[in-house]
C-alpha cells in the first residue's frame, strides 16, 4: 500500500505533460493557418508579418507540405466547368441515343439470323407447313360445319392435299422423262438452225468462231469433271435435306390443322400479360391475311399456268404441260418467279421451234402477266394483302440471299403479315391511350359528346348535318 501514492503521482505527472504537448501542437496549428503567403518581390501586397520576424514554423521541416495554401487575392476568378452532358449539342445527343439503340437492334437481328441459318431446314419446313395449313384450313372448317369430327376432318383434308401435291409432282417428273428424248433431238436441231442463222446473219460470225466456242465449252466441261461430280454429290445431300424438310412440313401441317387453336393459346401464355390483349387481337388478323394471300396466290398461279400452258400448247411447243406446272410453282415467288418461268418457256420455244414461235410465246407470257398484275391480283388478293412493289422486290431479294428459293417464297407473305400486325398494334395502342385518357371538360366535351349540342342542326342516318 505504501507504493500506491507514488504510482498515482507519476501517472498524474505524465497526464499533465501529455496535456501540455497537446496544447503546444494546437497552438502551432493555429499559427500555421494564420501565417502569410510568400509573394514575389515585384508584387506590392502588404504582409501581415512584420519585417525581420521569423515565423514560428520556419524552422520546422516539412511544414509547407502539411498545408494547402489558399488562393492569392490577386488571382482571377475561374468559372466552374459545365456538365459534360450539357456541353454536347442536342442533335449530337439524339444521334448518339439513336445510334446505340440501332446497334443493339442490329446485333439482335444478326444473332437471330445466325440462329435461323443454323436451323434453316426446320424453320423453312415450319413456314411451309404454315402456308399449306393456311391453304387447307378452310376445307377443315367447312367439313366441321358439315358435322365431321375434328380428327376425321383433319385426316381427310390432309390426305387429299398431300395426295394431290404428290400427284402433281409425279406428273411433272413423268412428263419431263417422257419428253426428254424428243426434247433433246429438237434441241440439237434448234442448235443447228441457230448456227445456220448466225452464219447468214449480218453479225459476220464465221464457222470457225462457232467451232471455237463449242470446243471451249467441251474443254470446260472436261476440266471441271471433279466439280461436276462434287456438285452431284451435293445434289444427293440436298435431296436428302429436301425429303427431311417435306416430312417435317407434313407432320407440322397435321398438328397445325388439328391443334392450331391450342398451339396459339399456348403461344399467348409466353407473351407478357400487359401485351397479351394486343397480341391476341393481332394473331387472328395475321392469320386471315396469310390465308387470303395463300388462297389468292394459288388462284392467280393456277390461272397463269392454264392460260400460258394453253398458249404454249397451241403453238406446238414440246413439254407444254410440264412448263405450265413450272409456271404454277414459280408463281409463288412474286415478280421474280414470273420472269424466270416465262424466260424458261421462251428458251424452250426458241431452241425447239425457232425465233418466230419464241416471239409468240413471249407475247402470250407478257399478255397473261399484264392481266395478272392489273386485274387478277387487285381483284383476288384485295387490299388487305397488298404490298408496295418496292417492298416486294427488296423482301424477295433479301429472302433469296438469306435462305435461297425457300426464303424468296416466304418473304412476301411474311412482309404482308408483319404489315397487318404492325397496323393493328398501332391502332390498338391509340385506342388504349384514348380509353385511359381523362374525360374532356368544358367546351371540348361538346365536340366529342354522343348527342348533338342544343341548338345544333340534326344529323341524318349518314352522320351528316342537315339544315
Protein backbone atom coordinates (compact mmCIF):
# COMPACT_ATOMS: atom_id res chain seq x y z
CA UNK A 1 0.00 0.00 0.00
CA UNK A 2 2.98 2.35 0.51
CA UNK A 3 3.80 2.24 -3.23
CA UNK A 4 0.32 3.35 -4.40
CA UNK A 5 0.70 7.13 -3.74
CA UNK A 6 3.98 7.21 -5.67
CA UNK A 7 2.42 5.44 -8.67
CA UNK A 8 -0.54 7.80 -8.72
CA UNK A 9 1.84 10.77 -8.60
CA UNK A 10 3.78 9.58 -11.59
CA UNK A 11 0.54 8.99 -13.54
CA UNK A 12 -0.63 12.49 -12.80
CA UNK A 13 2.69 13.96 -13.95
CA UNK A 14 2.53 12.05 -17.25
CA UNK A 15 -1.04 13.23 -17.87
CA UNK A 16 -0.01 16.82 -17.18
CA UNK A 17 2.91 16.53 -19.63
CA UNK A 18 0.62 15.00 -22.30
CA UNK A 19 -1.84 17.86 -21.94
CA UNK A 20 0.94 20.41 -22.36
CA UNK A 21 2.08 18.72 -25.57
CA UNK A 22 -1.45 18.78 -26.98
CA UNK A 23 -1.77 22.47 -26.19
CA UNK A 24 1.56 23.20 -27.90
CA UNK A 25 0.51 21.34 -31.05
CA UNK A 26 -2.81 23.17 -31.16
CA UNK A 27 -1.00 26.50 -30.90
CA UNK A 28 1.37 25.55 -33.73
CA UNK A 29 -1.57 24.58 -35.96
CA UNK A 30 -3.25 27.95 -35.36
CA UNK A 31 0.00 29.78 -36.20
CA UNK A 32 0.27 27.78 -39.48
CA UNK A 33 -3.23 28.84 -40.54
CA UNK A 34 -2.56 32.50 -39.75
CA UNK A 35 0.86 32.63 -41.47
CA UNK A 36 1.02 34.82 -44.68
CA UNK A 37 1.92 33.51 -48.15
CA UNK A 38 5.30 34.44 -49.57
CA UNK A 39 4.77 36.69 -52.60
CA UNK A 40 7.17 37.59 -55.37
CA UNK A 41 9.34 40.60 -54.74
CA UNK A 42 7.61 42.54 -57.55
CA UNK A 43 4.15 42.10 -56.01
CA UNK A 44 3.23 45.06 -53.89
CA UNK A 45 0.95 43.30 -51.42
CA UNK A 46 1.09 44.21 -47.73
CA UNK A 47 2.26 41.42 -45.47
CA UNK A 48 0.81 40.53 -42.15
CA UNK A 49 4.25 39.54 -40.73
CA UNK A 50 6.49 42.39 -39.53
CA UNK A 51 9.83 42.88 -41.19
CA UNK A 52 12.53 40.79 -39.71
CA UNK A 53 10.10 38.47 -37.94
CA UNK A 54 10.63 34.79 -38.45
CA UNK A 55 7.55 32.55 -38.44
CA UNK A 56 7.39 30.04 -35.74
CA UNK A 57 7.14 27.11 -38.16
CA UNK A 58 10.00 28.22 -40.42
CA UNK A 59 12.46 26.10 -38.64
CA UNK A 60 10.21 23.02 -38.69
CA UNK A 61 10.98 20.70 -41.67
CA UNK A 62 8.04 19.70 -43.87
CA UNK A 63 5.80 22.50 -42.64
CA UNK A 64 4.95 23.71 -46.19
CA UNK A 65 3.93 20.21 -47.25
CA UNK A 66 1.45 19.84 -44.37
CA UNK A 67 -0.92 22.55 -45.60
CA UNK A 68 -2.63 23.71 -48.80
CA UNK A 69 -2.26 27.48 -49.24
CA UNK A 70 -5.38 29.46 -50.10
CA UNK A 71 -5.55 31.22 -53.49
CA UNK A 72 -3.97 34.67 -53.51
CA UNK A 73 -6.17 37.75 -53.52
CA UNK A 74 -4.90 38.92 -56.90
CA UNK A 75 -5.72 35.59 -58.69
CA UNK A 76 -8.55 35.89 -61.28
CA UNK A 77 -11.78 34.03 -60.60
CA UNK A 78 -12.18 30.79 -62.62
CA UNK A 79 -15.68 29.78 -63.69
CA UNK A 80 -16.84 26.28 -62.84
CA UNK A 81 -16.66 23.74 -65.68
CA UNK A 82 -20.06 22.87 -67.22
CA UNK A 83 -21.61 19.43 -67.09
CA UNK A 84 -20.19 17.31 -69.96
CA UNK A 85 -23.71 16.22 -70.97
CA UNK A 86 -24.82 19.85 -71.21
CA UNK A 87 -21.75 20.73 -73.28
CA UNK A 88 -22.74 18.25 -76.07
CA UNK A 89 -25.16 19.69 -78.67
CA UNK A 90 -28.72 18.41 -78.60
CA UNK A 91 -28.60 16.97 -82.13
CA UNK A 92 -25.45 15.01 -81.35
CA UNK A 93 -27.02 13.60 -78.18
CA UNK A 94 -30.11 12.49 -80.11
CA UNK A 95 -27.91 10.91 -82.81
CA UNK A 96 -25.88 9.07 -80.18
CA UNK A 97 -29.01 7.77 -78.44
CA UNK A 98 -30.47 6.57 -81.73
CA UNK A 99 -27.13 5.06 -82.81
CA UNK A 100 -26.61 2.79 -79.82
CA UNK A 101 -30.23 1.64 -79.98
CA UNK A 102 -29.82 0.86 -83.69
CA UNK A 103 -26.62 -1.04 -82.88
CA UNK A 104 -28.49 -3.12 -80.30
CA UNK A 105 -31.24 -3.89 -82.82
CA UNK A 106 -28.67 -4.75 -85.49
CA UNK A 107 -26.89 -7.08 -83.08
CA UNK A 108 -30.17 -8.76 -82.17
CA UNK A 109 -31.08 -9.22 -85.84
CA UNK A 110 -27.61 -10.61 -86.57
CA UNK A 111 -27.88 -13.16 -83.77
CA UNK A 112 -31.40 -14.04 -84.91
CA UNK A 113 -30.24 -14.57 -88.48
CA UNK A 114 -27.38 -16.76 -87.28
CA UNK A 115 -29.78 -18.87 -85.26
CA UNK A 116 -32.17 -19.16 -88.22
CA UNK A 117 -29.27 -20.13 -90.50
CA UNK A 118 -28.24 -22.85 -88.06
CA UNK A 119 -31.75 -24.37 -88.08
CA UNK A 120 -32.71 -23.24 -91.58
CA UNK A 121 -34.23 -26.59 -92.55
CA UNK A 122 -36.55 -26.64 -89.53
CA UNK A 123 -37.60 -23.00 -89.99
CA UNK A 124 -38.36 -23.41 -93.70
CA UNK A 125 -40.27 -26.64 -93.04
CA UNK A 126 -42.41 -24.95 -90.37
CA UNK A 127 -43.07 -21.91 -92.57
CA UNK A 128 -44.03 -24.18 -95.46
CA UNK A 129 -46.37 -26.00 -93.06
CA UNK A 130 -47.94 -22.66 -92.14
CA UNK A 131 -48.54 -21.87 -95.82
CA UNK A 132 -50.02 -25.29 -96.53
CA UNK A 133 -52.15 -25.04 -93.37
CA UNK A 134 -53.44 -21.64 -94.46
CA UNK A 135 -54.46 -23.21 -97.77
CA UNK A 136 -56.10 -26.31 -96.25
CA UNK A 137 -57.64 -24.90 -93.07
CA UNK A 138 -60.79 -23.50 -94.79
CA UNK A 139 -61.52 -27.03 -96.03
CA UNK A 140 -61.22 -28.39 -92.49
CA UNK A 141 -63.59 -25.68 -91.21
CA UNK A 142 -66.12 -26.49 -93.95
CA UNK A 143 -66.03 -30.22 -93.15
CA UNK A 144 -66.51 -29.39 -89.45
CA UNK A 145 -69.62 -27.39 -90.37
CA UNK A 146 -70.93 -30.44 -92.23
CA UNK A 147 -70.76 -32.42 -88.97
CA UNK A 148 -67.47 -34.32 -89.26
CA UNK A 149 -65.35 -34.63 -86.10
CA UNK A 150 -62.20 -32.58 -85.91
CA UNK A 151 -59.84 -35.55 -86.26
CA UNK A 152 -61.69 -37.02 -89.24
CA UNK A 153 -61.94 -33.63 -90.99
CA UNK A 154 -58.21 -33.05 -90.44
CA UNK A 155 -57.28 -36.50 -91.73
CA UNK A 156 -59.45 -36.24 -94.86
CA UNK A 157 -58.15 -32.77 -95.72
CA UNK A 158 -54.50 -33.63 -95.09
CA UNK A 159 -54.63 -36.87 -97.06
CA UNK A 160 -56.37 -35.28 -100.03
CA UNK A 161 -54.00 -32.32 -100.00
CA UNK A 162 -50.83 -34.43 -99.81
CA UNK A 163 -52.11 -36.85 -102.46
CA UNK A 164 -52.87 -34.00 -104.87
CA UNK A 165 -49.43 -32.43 -104.30
CA UNK A 166 -47.72 -35.79 -104.79
CA UNK A 167 -49.66 -36.46 -107.99
CA UNK A 168 -48.69 -33.06 -109.36
CA UNK A 169 -45.00 -33.72 -108.63
CA UNK A 170 -45.17 -37.20 -110.14
CA UNK A 171 -46.93 -35.86 -113.24
CA UNK A 172 -44.24 -33.24 -113.80
CA UNK A 173 -41.42 -35.79 -113.47
CA UNK A 174 -43.25 -38.25 -115.75
CA UNK A 175 -43.82 -35.63 -118.45
CA UNK A 176 -40.19 -34.49 -118.34
CA UNK A 177 -38.83 -38.04 -118.56
CA UNK A 178 -41.31 -38.97 -121.29
CA UNK A 179 -40.43 -35.98 -123.47
CA UNK A 180 -36.72 -35.90 -122.69
CA UNK A 181 -35.61 -37.79 -125.83
CA UNK A 182 -37.85 -35.72 -128.09
CA UNK A 183 -36.68 -32.55 -126.42
CA UNK A 184 -33.01 -33.46 -126.83
CA UNK A 185 -33.50 -34.15 -130.55
CA UNK A 186 -35.30 -30.85 -131.00
CA UNK A 187 -32.62 -29.03 -129.02
CA UNK A 188 -29.93 -30.41 -131.38
CA UNK A 189 -31.97 -29.39 -134.39
CA UNK A 190 -32.55 -25.97 -132.86
CA UNK A 191 -28.84 -25.52 -132.22
CA UNK A 192 -28.05 -26.43 -135.84
CA UNK A 193 -30.71 -23.98 -137.02
CA UNK A 194 -29.30 -21.27 -134.74
CA UNK A 195 -25.83 -21.99 -136.14
CA UNK A 196 -27.02 -21.55 -139.74
CA UNK A 197 -28.87 -18.39 -138.76
CA UNK A 198 -25.72 -16.94 -137.21
CA UNK A 199 -23.71 -17.78 -140.33
CA UNK A 200 -26.23 -15.99 -142.55
CA UNK A 201 -26.81 -13.09 -140.14
CA UNK A 202 -25.31 -9.61 -140.57
CA UNK A 203 -23.13 -10.15 -137.49
CA UNK A 204 -20.34 -11.67 -139.65
CA UNK A 205 -19.98 -14.78 -137.49
CA UNK A 206 -17.75 -17.44 -139.07
CA UNK A 207 -17.98 -21.18 -138.66
CA UNK A 208 -14.52 -21.25 -137.10
CA UNK A 209 -15.69 -18.94 -134.32
CA UNK A 210 -18.71 -21.15 -133.63
CA UNK A 211 -16.47 -24.25 -133.54
CA UNK A 212 -14.09 -22.48 -131.15
CA UNK A 213 -16.97 -21.67 -128.79
CA UNK A 214 -18.16 -25.28 -128.88
CA UNK A 215 -14.60 -26.54 -128.25
CA UNK A 216 -14.18 -24.18 -125.30
CA UNK A 217 -17.43 -25.43 -123.79
CA UNK A 218 -16.31 -29.03 -124.22
CA UNK A 219 -12.90 -28.32 -122.67
CA UNK A 220 -14.54 -26.51 -119.75
CA UNK A 221 -16.80 -29.47 -119.06
CA UNK A 222 -13.82 -31.85 -119.28
CA UNK A 223 -11.61 -29.86 -116.92
CA UNK A 224 -14.40 -29.35 -114.37
CA UNK A 225 -15.38 -33.01 -114.11
CA UNK A 226 -14.44 -33.13 -110.42
CA UNK A 227 -16.52 -30.05 -109.67
CA UNK A 228 -19.47 -31.54 -111.54
CA UNK A 229 -19.09 -34.81 -109.61
CA UNK A 230 -18.93 -32.97 -106.28
CA UNK A 231 -21.96 -30.96 -107.33
CA UNK A 232 -23.78 -34.23 -107.99
CA UNK A 233 -22.83 -35.49 -104.51
CA UNK A 234 -24.06 -32.22 -103.04
CA UNK A 235 -27.25 -32.70 -105.01
CA UNK A 236 -27.73 -36.05 -103.24
CA UNK A 237 -27.28 -34.28 -99.89
CA UNK A 238 -29.73 -31.59 -100.94
CA UNK A 239 -32.27 -34.23 -101.93
CA UNK A 240 -31.93 -35.85 -98.50
CA UNK A 241 -32.47 -32.48 -96.84
CA UNK A 242 -35.47 -31.80 -99.07
CA UNK A 243 -37.05 -35.13 -98.13
CA UNK A 244 -36.42 -34.41 -94.44
CA UNK A 245 -37.98 -30.97 -94.80
CA UNK A 246 -41.02 -32.45 -96.57
CA UNK A 247 -41.57 -34.92 -93.74
CA UNK A 248 -41.23 -32.16 -91.13
CA UNK A 249 -43.65 -29.97 -93.06
CA UNK A 250 -46.19 -32.81 -93.31
CA UNK A 251 -46.13 -33.55 -89.58
CA UNK A 252 -46.27 -29.84 -88.73
CA UNK A 253 -49.24 -29.39 -91.07
CA UNK A 254 -51.14 -32.22 -89.40
CA UNK A 255 -50.65 -30.78 -85.91
CA UNK A 256 -51.45 -27.23 -87.03
CA UNK A 257 -54.68 -28.36 -88.67
CA UNK A 258 -55.72 -30.41 -85.65
CA UNK A 259 -54.47 -28.33 -82.70
CA UNK A 260 -53.99 -24.87 -84.19
CA UNK A 261 -56.13 -23.09 -81.59
CA UNK A 262 -54.43 -24.79 -78.64
CA UNK A 263 -51.00 -24.03 -80.04
CA UNK A 264 -51.97 -20.37 -80.44
CA UNK A 265 -53.28 -20.15 -76.86
CA UNK A 266 -50.04 -21.72 -75.60
CA UNK A 267 -48.04 -19.13 -77.52
CA UNK A 268 -50.13 -16.37 -75.93
CA UNK A 269 -49.09 -17.58 -72.48
CA UNK A 270 -45.46 -16.78 -73.38
CA UNK A 271 -46.37 -13.13 -74.05
CA UNK A 272 -46.23 -10.66 -71.10
CA UNK A 273 -49.62 -10.03 -69.53
CA UNK A 274 -49.68 -6.32 -70.42
CA UNK A 275 -49.08 -7.00 -74.14
CA UNK A 276 -51.28 -10.12 -74.30
CA UNK A 277 -54.57 -8.40 -75.33
CA UNK A 278 -52.92 -6.65 -78.28
CA UNK A 279 -51.15 -9.80 -79.46
CA UNK A 280 -54.37 -11.81 -79.03
CA UNK A 281 -56.15 -9.38 -81.35
CA UNK A 282 -53.30 -9.23 -83.89
CA UNK A 283 -52.98 -13.02 -84.24
CA UNK A 284 -56.34 -13.77 -85.93
CA UNK A 285 -55.91 -10.79 -88.26
CA UNK A 286 -52.44 -12.00 -89.25
CA UNK A 287 -53.84 -15.48 -89.91
CA UNK A 288 -56.64 -14.08 -92.09
CA UNK A 289 -54.05 -12.11 -94.07
CA UNK A 290 -51.90 -15.21 -94.56
CA UNK A 291 -54.92 -17.31 -95.58
CA UNK A 292 -56.09 -14.68 -98.07
CA UNK A 293 -52.57 -14.38 -99.52
CA UNK A 294 -52.07 -18.13 -99.99
CA UNK A 295 -55.56 -18.67 -101.41
CA UNK A 296 -55.26 -15.72 -103.79
CA UNK A 297 -51.76 -16.72 -104.89
CA UNK A 298 -52.92 -20.27 -105.65
CA UNK A 299 -55.84 -18.98 -107.75
CA UNK A 300 -53.64 -16.49 -109.64
CA UNK A 301 -50.92 -19.10 -110.23
CA UNK A 302 -53.49 -21.58 -111.49
CA UNK A 303 -54.92 -19.04 -113.96
CA UNK A 304 -51.42 -18.15 -115.20
CA UNK A 305 -50.49 -21.78 -115.66
CA UNK A 306 -53.70 -22.62 -117.54
CA UNK A 307 -53.63 -19.71 -119.99
CA UNK A 308 -49.87 -19.72 -120.64
CA UNK A 309 -49.94 -23.53 -120.93
CA UNK A 310 -52.77 -23.33 -123.47
CA UNK A 311 -50.84 -20.73 -125.47
CA UNK A 312 -47.73 -22.90 -125.49
CA UNK A 313 -49.79 -25.96 -126.47
CA UNK A 314 -51.49 -24.15 -129.39
CA UNK A 315 -48.06 -23.03 -130.61
CA UNK A 316 -46.98 -26.71 -130.54
CA UNK A 317 -44.07 -26.18 -128.18
CA UNK A 318 -42.97 -29.51 -126.65
CA UNK A 319 -43.43 -30.17 -122.91
CA UNK A 320 -46.33 -27.73 -122.67
CA UNK A 321 -47.80 -29.42 -119.57
CA UNK A 322 -44.53 -29.54 -117.55
CA UNK A 323 -43.88 -25.90 -118.47
CA UNK A 324 -47.38 -24.98 -117.25
CA UNK A 325 -46.68 -26.76 -113.94
CA UNK A 326 -43.38 -24.90 -113.61
CA UNK A 327 -45.23 -21.63 -114.24
CA UNK A 328 -47.70 -22.56 -111.47
CA UNK A 329 -44.92 -23.34 -108.98
CA UNK A 330 -42.79 -20.29 -109.80
CA UNK A 331 -45.81 -18.02 -109.42
CA UNK A 332 -45.39 -18.36 -105.64
CA UNK A 333 -42.22 -16.22 -105.96
CA UNK A 334 -43.64 -12.75 -106.70
CA UNK A 335 -42.22 -10.84 -109.70
CA UNK A 336 -39.07 -12.94 -109.97
CA UNK A 337 -40.87 -16.27 -110.42
CA UNK A 338 -42.98 -14.99 -113.31
CA UNK A 339 -39.87 -13.72 -115.09
CA UNK A 340 -37.96 -17.00 -114.61
CA UNK A 341 -40.83 -19.26 -115.70
CA UNK A 342 -41.65 -17.05 -118.71
CA UNK A 343 -38.00 -16.98 -119.77
CA UNK A 344 -37.82 -20.77 -119.48
CA UNK A 345 -40.85 -21.17 -121.78
CA UNK A 346 -39.38 -18.72 -124.31
CA UNK A 347 -36.00 -20.52 -124.32
CA UNK A 348 -37.63 -23.92 -124.86
CA UNK A 349 -39.67 -22.48 -127.73
CA UNK A 350 -36.55 -20.87 -129.22
CA UNK A 351 -34.39 -23.99 -129.26
CA UNK A 352 -37.20 -26.28 -130.43
CA UNK A 353 -39.46 -24.30 -132.77
CA UNK A 354 -37.46 -21.25 -133.84
CA UNK A 355 -37.42 -17.49 -133.38
CA UNK A 356 -40.98 -16.78 -134.54
CA UNK A 357 -42.55 -19.28 -132.12
CA UNK A 358 -40.38 -17.92 -129.30
CA UNK A 359 -41.66 -14.39 -130.01
CA UNK A 360 -45.26 -15.65 -129.96
CA UNK A 361 -44.66 -17.38 -126.61
CA UNK A 362 -43.14 -14.16 -125.28
CA UNK A 363 -46.25 -12.22 -126.33
CA UNK A 364 -48.52 -14.77 -124.62
CA UNK A 365 -46.49 -14.64 -121.40
CA UNK A 366 -46.43 -10.85 -121.32
CA UNK A 367 -50.17 -10.57 -122.01
CA UNK A 368 -51.11 -13.02 -119.26
CA UNK A 369 -48.77 -11.38 -116.76
CA UNK A 370 -50.18 -7.93 -117.53
CA UNK A 371 -53.70 -9.22 -116.92
CA UNK A 372 -52.49 -10.84 -113.70
CA UNK A 373 -50.81 -7.70 -112.38
CA UNK A 374 -53.58 -5.23 -113.21
CA UNK A 375 -56.75 -7.32 -112.89
CA UNK A 376 -56.32 -10.62 -111.07
CA UNK A 377 -54.14 -9.65 -108.12
CA UNK A 378 -56.07 -6.49 -107.12
CA UNK A 379 -59.40 -8.32 -107.50
CA UNK A 380 -58.49 -11.66 -105.88
CA UNK A 381 -55.91 -10.71 -103.27
CA UNK A 382 -57.69 -7.49 -102.29
CA UNK A 383 -56.33 -4.51 -100.41
CA UNK A 384 -55.68 -6.44 -97.18
CA UNK A 385 -52.55 -8.13 -98.51
CA UNK A 386 -51.35 -5.51 -100.97
CA UNK A 387 -47.67 -4.69 -100.56
CA UNK A 388 -45.77 -1.96 -102.36
CA UNK A 389 -43.75 -3.29 -105.35
CA UNK A 390 -40.51 -1.89 -103.88
CA UNK A 391 -41.17 -3.80 -100.65
CA UNK A 392 -41.86 -6.94 -102.71
CA UNK A 393 -38.61 -6.66 -104.67
CA UNK A 394 -36.49 -5.92 -101.59
CA UNK A 395 -38.10 -8.67 -99.50
CA UNK A 396 -37.72 -11.26 -102.27
CA UNK A 397 -34.07 -10.29 -102.77
CA UNK A 398 -33.34 -10.41 -99.03
CA UNK A 399 -35.16 -13.73 -98.61
CA UNK A 400 -33.29 -15.24 -101.55
CA UNK A 401 -29.93 -14.10 -100.18
CA UNK A 402 -30.68 -15.47 -96.71
CA UNK A 403 -32.41 -18.78 -97.46
CA UNK A 404 -32.41 -19.29 -101.23
CA UNK A 405 -35.62 -20.21 -103.06
CA UNK A 406 -37.44 -21.00 -99.82
CA UNK A 407 -36.62 -17.58 -98.43
CA UNK A 408 -37.84 -15.90 -101.61
CA UNK A 409 -41.14 -17.81 -101.37
CA UNK A 410 -41.88 -16.89 -97.74
CA UNK A 411 -40.56 -13.30 -97.89
CA UNK A 412 -43.68 -11.60 -99.28
CA UNK A 413 -46.26 -13.34 -97.02
CA UNK A 414 -44.01 -12.53 -94.07
CA UNK A 415 -43.97 -8.85 -95.06
CA UNK A 416 -47.76 -8.85 -95.60
CA UNK A 417 -48.40 -10.42 -92.19
CA UNK A 418 -45.96 -8.04 -90.49
CA UNK A 419 -47.69 -5.08 -92.13
CA UNK A 420 -51.07 -6.27 -90.81
CA UNK A 421 -49.75 -6.88 -87.28
CA UNK A 422 -47.97 -3.53 -87.04
CA UNK A 423 -51.02 -1.65 -88.33
CA UNK A 424 -53.33 -3.34 -85.84
CA UNK A 425 -50.98 -2.81 -82.89
CA UNK A 426 -50.63 0.87 -83.76
CA UNK A 427 -54.41 1.31 -83.88
CA UNK A 428 -54.83 -0.72 -80.68
CA UNK A 429 -52.26 1.45 -78.89
CA UNK A 430 -54.05 4.62 -79.96
CA UNK A 431 -57.40 3.27 -78.78
CA UNK A 432 -55.91 2.25 -75.42
CA UNK A 433 -54.40 5.72 -75.00
CA UNK A 434 -57.77 7.35 -75.71
CA UNK A 435 -59.57 4.94 -73.40
CA UNK A 436 -57.29 5.75 -70.45
CA UNK A 437 -57.15 9.48 -71.18
CA UNK A 438 -59.04 11.81 -68.79
CA UNK A 439 -62.54 12.78 -69.95
CA UNK A 440 -62.87 16.10 -71.79
CA UNK A 441 -64.18 19.12 -69.95
CA UNK A 442 -65.75 22.43 -70.80
CA UNK A 443 -66.30 23.35 -74.42
CA UNK A 444 -64.20 20.39 -75.59
CA UNK A 445 -66.80 17.98 -74.24
CA UNK A 446 -69.39 19.35 -76.68
CA UNK A 447 -67.25 18.30 -79.67
CA UNK A 448 -66.98 14.67 -78.53
CA UNK A 449 -70.42 14.33 -76.97
CA UNK A 450 -72.52 11.39 -78.24
CA UNK A 451 -75.55 13.67 -78.64
CA UNK A 452 -75.57 16.97 -80.54
CA UNK A 453 -75.38 20.17 -78.58
CA UNK A 454 -78.62 22.11 -78.01
CA UNK A 455 -79.47 24.34 -80.94
CA UNK A 456 -77.29 22.43 -83.45
CA UNK A 457 -78.88 21.11 -86.69
CA UNK A 458 -79.99 17.46 -86.66
CA UNK A 459 -78.00 14.73 -88.43
CA UNK A 460 -79.22 12.23 -90.98
CA UNK A 461 -78.53 8.47 -91.00
CA UNK A 462 -75.06 9.00 -92.56
CA UNK A 463 -73.96 11.37 -89.82
CA UNK A 464 -74.22 14.46 -92.00
CA UNK A 465 -75.81 17.61 -90.62
CA UNK A 466 -78.99 18.72 -92.33
CA UNK A 467 -80.36 22.22 -92.42
